[in-house]
Amino acid sequence: MTIRMSLFGALLATIALTGAAQARTAPQTAPDPYSAPDPYRDQRALPDSNDPAAREALLRAKGEAYHRAEDSRQTEEELRLTRALNDEIAAQNALADKADEAARLDYDAAVARHQIEVRQAEEQARAAAEATRAAQDQYDRDYAAWREQVRLCQSGFREACTARPAWVRPQP
């Protein structure tokens, strides 16, 4: 029994030692690629954007490597090609400016048409509301005249019962 206990103890000790050793030498797991980076983790100072050397270093770090060569170091073919490209870009910019101006003029014309339509719709609505008010006023007058005629008829005034109603207009 003591042999079993000592074997069992030795086995436990071996497992504990190998587990501790593995924990010390285990490689660190990579951060989750789907989690958002911590913006506060990087506390390095940003380079001064007004310093040309710092700006160039930042561009190099991003992989930019453009350096304008002096005209004297360019061949005649490179200068001709550069002028042609610049002329093409200038022509495209002029065309885009013309298209922008045409689009702005179209937009201004559409806005003016819309404002005219809005004014016309408002005038039509105002005229319809005025006609409705006038018709309601006439109805109220005719109704009041009819009520008065009914009251006179009910009070015994015979001519009010046989007279032409006040709301009936004479036929031309």
C-alpha atoms as a PDB file:
ATOM      1  CA  MET A   1       0.000   0.000   0.000  1.00  0.00           C
ATOM      2  CA  THR A   2       2.827   2.367   0.713  1.00  0.00           C
ATOM      3  CA  ILE A   3       4.261   1.622  -2.684  1.00  0.00           C
ATOM      4  CA  ARG A   4       1.000   2.553  -4.336  1.00  0.00           C
ATOM      5  CA  MET A   5       0.804   5.755  -2.332  1.00  0.00           C
ATOM      6  CA  SER A   6       4.354   6.728  -3.183  1.00  0.00           C
ATOM      7  CA  LEU A   7       3.757   5.956  -6.875  1.00  0.00           C
ATOM      8  CA  PHE A   8       0.569   7.982  -6.763  1.00  0.00           C
ATOM      9  CA  GLY A   9       2.406  10.886  -5.082  1.00  0.00           C
ATOM     10  CA  ALA A  10       5.233  10.715  -7.604  1.00  0.00           C
ATOM     11  CA  LEU A  11       2.733  10.751 -10.460  1.00  0.00           C
ATOM     12  CA  LEU A  12       0.976  13.784  -9.004  1.00  0.00           C
ATOM     13  CA  ALA A  13       4.290  15.568  -8.505  1.00  0.00           C
ATOM     14  CA  THR A  14       5.315  14.854 -12.113  1.00  0.00           C
ATOM     15  CA  ILE A  15       2.032  16.153 -13.460  1.00  0.00           C
ATOM     16  CA  ALA A  16       2.290  19.296 -11.338  1.00  0.00           C
ATOM     17  CA  LEU A  17       5.873  19.971 -12.446  1.00  0.00           C
ATOM     18  CA  THR A  18       5.183  19.424 -16.149  1.00  0.00           C
ATOM     19  CA  GLY A  19       2.067  21.606 -15.959  1.00  0.00           C
ATOM     20  CA  ALA A  20       4.029  24.438 -14.317  1.00  0.00           C
ATOM     21  CA  ALA A  21       6.827  24.107 -16.854  1.00  0.00           C
ATOM     22  CA  GLN A  22       4.389  24.183 -19.746  1.00  0.00           C
ATOM     23  CA  ALA A  23       2.667  27.219 -18.302  1.00  0.00           C
ATOM     24  CA  ARG A  24       6.001  29.069 -18.144  1.00  0.00           C
ATOM     25  CA  THR A  25       7.064  28.129 -21.680  1.00  0.00           C
ATOM     26  CA  ALA A  26       3.643  28.195 -23.367  1.00  0.00           C
ATOM     27  CA  PRO A  27       3.533  30.649 -26.243  1.00  0.00           C
ATOM     28  CA  GLN A  28       1.331  33.665 -25.793  1.00  0.00           C
ATOM     29  CA  THR A  29      -1.879  33.418 -27.784  1.00  0.00           C
ATOM     30  CA  ALA A  30      -2.402  35.977 -30.486  1.00  0.00           C
ATOM     31  CA  PRO A  31      -5.071  38.592 -29.826  1.00  0.00           C
ATOM     32  CA  ASP A  32      -8.468  37.984 -31.324  1.00  0.00           C
ATOM     33  CA  PRO A  33      -8.335  39.314 -34.922  1.00  0.00           C
ATOM     34  CA  TYR A  34     -12.028  40.200 -34.753  1.00  0.00           C
ATOM     35  CA  SER A  35     -11.832  42.405 -31.671  1.00  0.00           C
ATOM     36  CA  ALA A  36     -11.376  46.138 -32.059  1.00  0.00           C
ATOM     37  CA  PRO A  37      -7.902  47.493 -31.317  1.00  0.00           C
ATOM     38  CA  ASP A  38      -7.492  49.564 -28.196  1.00  0.00           C
ATOM     39  CA  PRO A  39      -6.881  53.154 -29.333  1.00  0.00           C
ATOM     40  CA  TYR A  40      -5.378  54.062 -25.944  1.00  0.00           C
ATOM     41  CA  ARG A  41      -2.786  51.290 -25.969  1.00  0.00           C
ATOM     42  CA  ASP A  42      -0.358  53.090 -28.315  1.00  0.00           C
ATOM     43  CA  GLN A  43       0.825  56.153 -26.413  1.00  0.00           C
ATOM     44  CA  ARG A  44       3.634  57.182 -28.753  1.00  0.00           C
ATOM     45  CA  ALA A  45       3.730  60.835 -29.748  1.00  0.00           C
ATOM     46  CA  LEU A  46       2.697  61.568 -33.307  1.00  0.00           C
ATOM     47  CA  PRO A  47       5.251  63.308 -35.512  1.00  0.00           C
ATOM     48  CA  ASP A  48       4.895  67.027 -36.095  1.00  0.00           C
ATOM     49  CA  SER A  49       3.000  67.523 -39.369  1.00  0.00           C
ATOM     50  CA  ASN A  50       4.824  70.830 -40.002  1.00  0.00           C
ATOM     51  CA  ASP A  51       8.244  69.199 -39.929  1.00  0.00           C
ATOM     52  CA  PRO A  52       9.163  68.015 -43.461  1.00  0.00           C
ATOM     53  CA  ALA A  53      11.565  65.344 -42.170  1.00  0.00           C
ATOM     54  CA  ALA A  54       8.922  63.931 -39.819  1.00  0.00           C
ATOM     55  CA  ARG A  55       6.325  64.022 -42.588  1.00  0.00           C
ATOM     56  CA  GLU A  56       8.667  62.174 -44.941  1.00  0.00           C
ATOM     57  CA  ALA A  57       9.424  59.579 -42.232  1.00  0.00           C
ATOM     58  CA  LEU A  58       5.702  59.064 -41.704  1.00  0.00           C
ATOM     59  CA  LEU A  59       5.186  58.624 -45.449  1.00  0.00           C
ATOM     60  CA  ARG A  60       8.039  56.121 -45.600  1.00  0.00           C
ATOM     61  CA  ALA A  61       6.527  54.207 -42.692  1.00  0.00           C
ATOM     62  CA  LYS A  62       3.298  54.008 -44.670  1.00  0.00           C
ATOM     63  CA  GLY A  63       5.204  52.736 -47.696  1.00  0.00           C
ATOM     64  CA  GLU A  64       5.252  55.947 -49.731  1.00  0.00           C
ATOM     65  CA  ALA A  65       8.440  56.540 -51.694  1.00  0.00           C
ATOM     66  CA  TYR A  66       7.726  59.460 -54.063  1.00  0.00           C
ATOM     67  CA  HIS A  67      10.547  61.904 -54.679  1.00  0.00           C
ATOM     68  CA  ARG A  68      10.210  64.561 -57.326  1.00  0.00           C
ATOM     69  CA  ALA A  69      13.281  64.591 -59.482  1.00  0.00           C
ATOM     70  CA  GLU A  70      14.676  67.894 -60.657  1.00  0.00           C
ATOM     71  CA  ASP A  71      13.884  68.803 -64.255  1.00  0.00           C
ATOM     72  CA  SER A  72      17.598  68.727 -65.083  1.00  0.00           C
ATOM     73  CA  ARG A  73      17.769  65.055 -64.028  1.00  0.00           C
ATOM     74  CA  GLN A  74      14.800  64.071 -66.216  1.00  0.00           C
ATOM     75  CA  THR A  75      15.219  63.022 -69.796  1.00  0.00           C
ATOM     76  CA  GLU A  76      13.460  64.871 -72.585  1.00  0.00           C
ATOM     77  CA  GLU A  77      11.093  61.912 -73.015  1.00  0.00           C
ATOM     78  CA  GLU A  78      10.149  62.022 -69.305  1.00  0.00           C
ATOM     79  CA  LEU A  79       9.555  65.783 -69.494  1.00  0.00           C
ATOM     80  CA  ARG A  80       7.388  65.366 -72.615  1.00  0.00           C
ATOM     81  CA  LEU A  81       5.421  62.548 -70.975  1.00  0.00           C
ATOM     82  CA  THR A  82       4.965  64.610 -67.794  1.00  0.00           C
ATOM     83  CA  ARG A  83       3.722  67.617 -69.788  1.00  0.00           C
ATOM     84  CA  ALA A  84       1.303  65.394 -71.725  1.00  0.00           C
ATOM     85  CA  LEU A  85      -0.048  63.868 -68.513  1.00  0.00           C
ATOM     86  CA  ASN A  86      -0.392  67.297 -66.906  1.00  0.00           C
ATOM     87  CA  ASP A  87      -2.217  68.614 -69.998  1.00  0.00           C
ATOM     88  CA  GLU A  88      -4.563  65.619 -69.917  1.00  0.00           C
ATOM     89  CA  ILE A  89      -5.283  66.182 -66.221  1.00  0.00           C
ATOM     90  CA  ALA A  90      -5.889  69.891 -66.848  1.00  0.00           C
ATOM     91  CA  ALA A  91      -8.297  69.038 -69.698  1.00  0.00           C
ATOM     92  CA  GLN A  92     -10.162  66.556 -67.489  1.00  0.00           C
ATOM     93  CA  ASN A  93     -10.373  69.160 -64.716  1.00  0.00           C
ATOM     94  CA  ALA A  94     -11.730  71.756 -67.157  1.00  0.00           C
ATOM     95  CA  LEU A  95     -14.293  69.244 -68.423  1.00  0.00           C
ATOM     96  CA  ALA A  96     -15.301  68.417 -64.846  1.00  0.00           C
ATOM     97  CA  ASP A  97     -15.622  72.145 -64.072  1.00  0.00           C
ATOM     98  CA  LYS A  98     -17.902  72.589 -67.090  1.00  0.00           C
ATOM     99  CA  ALA A  99     -19.988  69.581 -66.040  1.00  0.00           C
ATOM    100  CA  ASP A 100     -20.229  70.962 -62.488  1.00  0.00           C
ATOM    101  CA  GLU A 101     -21.324  74.360 -63.798  1.00  0.00           C
ATOM    102  CA  ALA A 102     -23.938  72.754 -66.067  1.00  0.00           C
ATOM    103  CA  ALA A 103     -25.218  70.639 -63.182  1.00  0.00           C
ATOM    104  CA  ARG A 104     -25.384  73.726 -60.943  1.00  0.00           C
ATOM    105  CA  LEU A 105     -27.352  75.616 -63.606  1.00  0.00           C
ATOM    106  CA  ASP A 106     -29.721  72.641 -64.011  1.00  0.00           C
ATOM    107  CA  TYR A 107     -30.179  72.504 -60.254  1.00  0.00           C
ATOM    108  CA  ASP A 108     -30.856  76.233 -60.019  1.00  0.00           C
ATOM    109  CA  ALA A 109     -33.418  75.964 -62.835  1.00  0.00           C
ATOM    110  CA  ALA A 110     -35.108  73.005 -61.100  1.00  0.00           C
ATOM    111  CA  VAL A 111     -35.235  74.945 -57.814  1.00  0.00           C
ATOM    112  CA  ALA A 112     -36.795  77.932 -59.621  1.00  0.00           C
ATOM    113  CA  ARG A 113     -39.404  75.681 -61.287  1.00  0.00           C
ATOM    114  CA  HIS A 114     -40.184  74.091 -57.945  1.00  0.00           C
ATOM    115  CA  GLN A 115     -40.637  77.478 -56.289  1.00  0.00           C
ATOM    116  CA  ILE A 116     -43.009  78.566 -59.074  1.00  0.00           C
ATOM    117  CA  GLU A 117     -45.026  75.346 -58.672  1.00  0.00           C
ATOM    118  CA  VAL A 118     -45.174  75.835 -54.897  1.00  0.00           C
ATOM    119  CA  ARG A 119     -46.384  79.434 -55.320  1.00  0.00           C
ATOM    120  CA  GLN A 120     -49.039  78.323 -57.823  1.00  0.00           C
ATOM    121  CA  ALA A 121     -50.218  75.523 -55.517  1.00  0.00           C
ATOM    122  CA  GLU A 122     -50.392  77.942 -52.579  1.00  0.00           C
ATOM    123  CA  GLU A 123     -52.399  80.440 -54.676  1.00  0.00           C
ATOM    124  CA  GLN A 124     -54.789  77.680 -55.794  1.00  0.00           C
ATOM    125  CA  ALA A 125     -55.222  76.495 -52.203  1.00  0.00           C
ATOM    126  CA  ARG A 126     -55.825  80.074 -51.037  1.00  0.00           C
ATOM    127  CA  ALA A 127     -58.421  80.618 -53.815  1.00  0.00           C
ATOM    128  CA  ALA A 128     -60.154  77.322 -52.998  1.00  0.00           C
ATOM    129  CA  ALA A 129     -60.247  78.205 -49.285  1.00  0.00           C
ATOM    130  CA  GLU A 130     -61.676  81.637 -50.083  1.00  0.00           C
ATOM    131  CA  ALA A 131     -64.358  80.117 -52.355  1.00  0.00           C
ATOM    132  CA  THR A 132     -65.228  77.597 -49.648  1.00  0.00           C
ATOM    133  CA  ARG A 133     -65.510  80.370 -47.043  1.00  0.00           C
ATOM    134  CA  ALA A 134     -67.735  82.422 -49.368  1.00  0.00           C
ATOM    135  CA  ALA A 135     -69.970  79.410 -50.061  1.00  0.00           C
ATOM    136  CA  GLN A 136     -70.229  78.664 -46.314  1.00  0.00           C
ATOM    137  CA  ASP A 137     -71.121  82.304 -45.564  1.00  0.00           C
ATOM    138  CA  GLN A 138     -73.854  82.220 -48.238  1.00  0.00           C
ATOM    139  CA  TYR A 139     -75.191  78.952 -46.853  1.00  0.00           C
ATOM    140  CA  ASP A 140     -75.254  80.405 -43.323  1.00  0.00           C
ATOM    141  CA  ARG A 141     -77.193  83.469 -44.583  1.00  0.00           C
ATOM    142  CA  ASP A 142     -79.663  81.322 -46.525  1.00  0.00           C
ATOM    143  CA  TYR A 143     -80.155  79.016 -43.525  1.00  0.00           C
ATOM    144  CA  ALA A 144     -80.730  81.966 -41.211  1.00  0.00           C
ATOM    145  CA  ALA A 145     -83.315  83.375 -43.689  1.00  0.00           C
ATOM    146  CA  TRP A 146     -85.070  80.012 -43.888  1.00  0.00           C
ATOM    147  CA  ARG A 147     -85.156  79.710 -40.070  1.00  0.00           C
ATOM    148  CA  GLU A 148     -86.642  83.216 -39.878  1.00  0.00           C
ATOM    149  CA  GLN A 149     -89.268  82.346 -42.493  1.00  0.00           C
ATOM    150  CA  VAL A 150     -90.163  79.152 -40.594  1.00  0.00           C
ATOM    151  CA  ARG A 151     -90.408  81.104 -37.323  1.00  0.00           C
ATOM    152  CA  LEU A 152     -92.708  83.695 -38.946  1.00  0.00           C
ATOM    153  CA  CYS A 153     -94.843  80.965 -40.496  1.00  0.00           C
ATOM    154  CA  GLN A 154     -95.145  79.155 -37.168  1.00  0.00           C
ATOM    155  CA  SER A 155     -96.027  82.380 -35.388  1.00  0.00           C
ATOM    156  CA  GLY A 156     -99.093  82.762 -37.645  1.00  0.00           C
ATOM    157  CA  PHE A 157     -97.847  85.151 -40.304  1.00  0.00           C
ATOM    158  CA  ARG A 158     -99.533  83.550 -43.368  1.00  0.00           C
ATOM    159  CA  GLU A 159     -97.582  85.382 -46.065  1.00  0.00           C
ATOM    160  CA  ALA A 160     -94.343  83.848 -44.738  1.00  0.00           C
ATOM    161  CA  CYS A 161     -95.811  80.365 -45.315  1.00  0.00           C
ATOM    162  CA  THR A 162     -96.775  81.014 -48.952  1.00  0.00           C
ATOM    163  CA  ALA A 163     -94.005  83.377 -49.984  1.00  0.00           C
ATOM    164  CA  ARG A 164     -91.109  82.249 -52.124  1.00  0.00           C
ATOM    165  CA  PRO A 165     -88.229  81.176 -49.880  1.00  0.00           C
ATOM    166  CA  ALA A 166     -85.514  83.789 -49.424  1.00  0.00           C
ATOM    167  CA  TRP A 167     -82.716  81.437 -50.404  1.00  0.00           C
ATOM    168  CA  VAL A 168     -84.254  80.809 -53.847  1.00  0.00           C
ATOM    169  CA  ARG A 169     -82.752  83.191 -56.353  1.00  0.00           C
ATOM    170  CA  PRO A 170     -84.939  84.556 -59.148  1.00  0.00           C
ATOM    171  CA  GLN A 171     -84.409  82.831 -62.491  1.00  0.00           C
ATOM    172  CA  PRO A 172     -83.096  85.204 -65.203  1.00  0.00           C
END
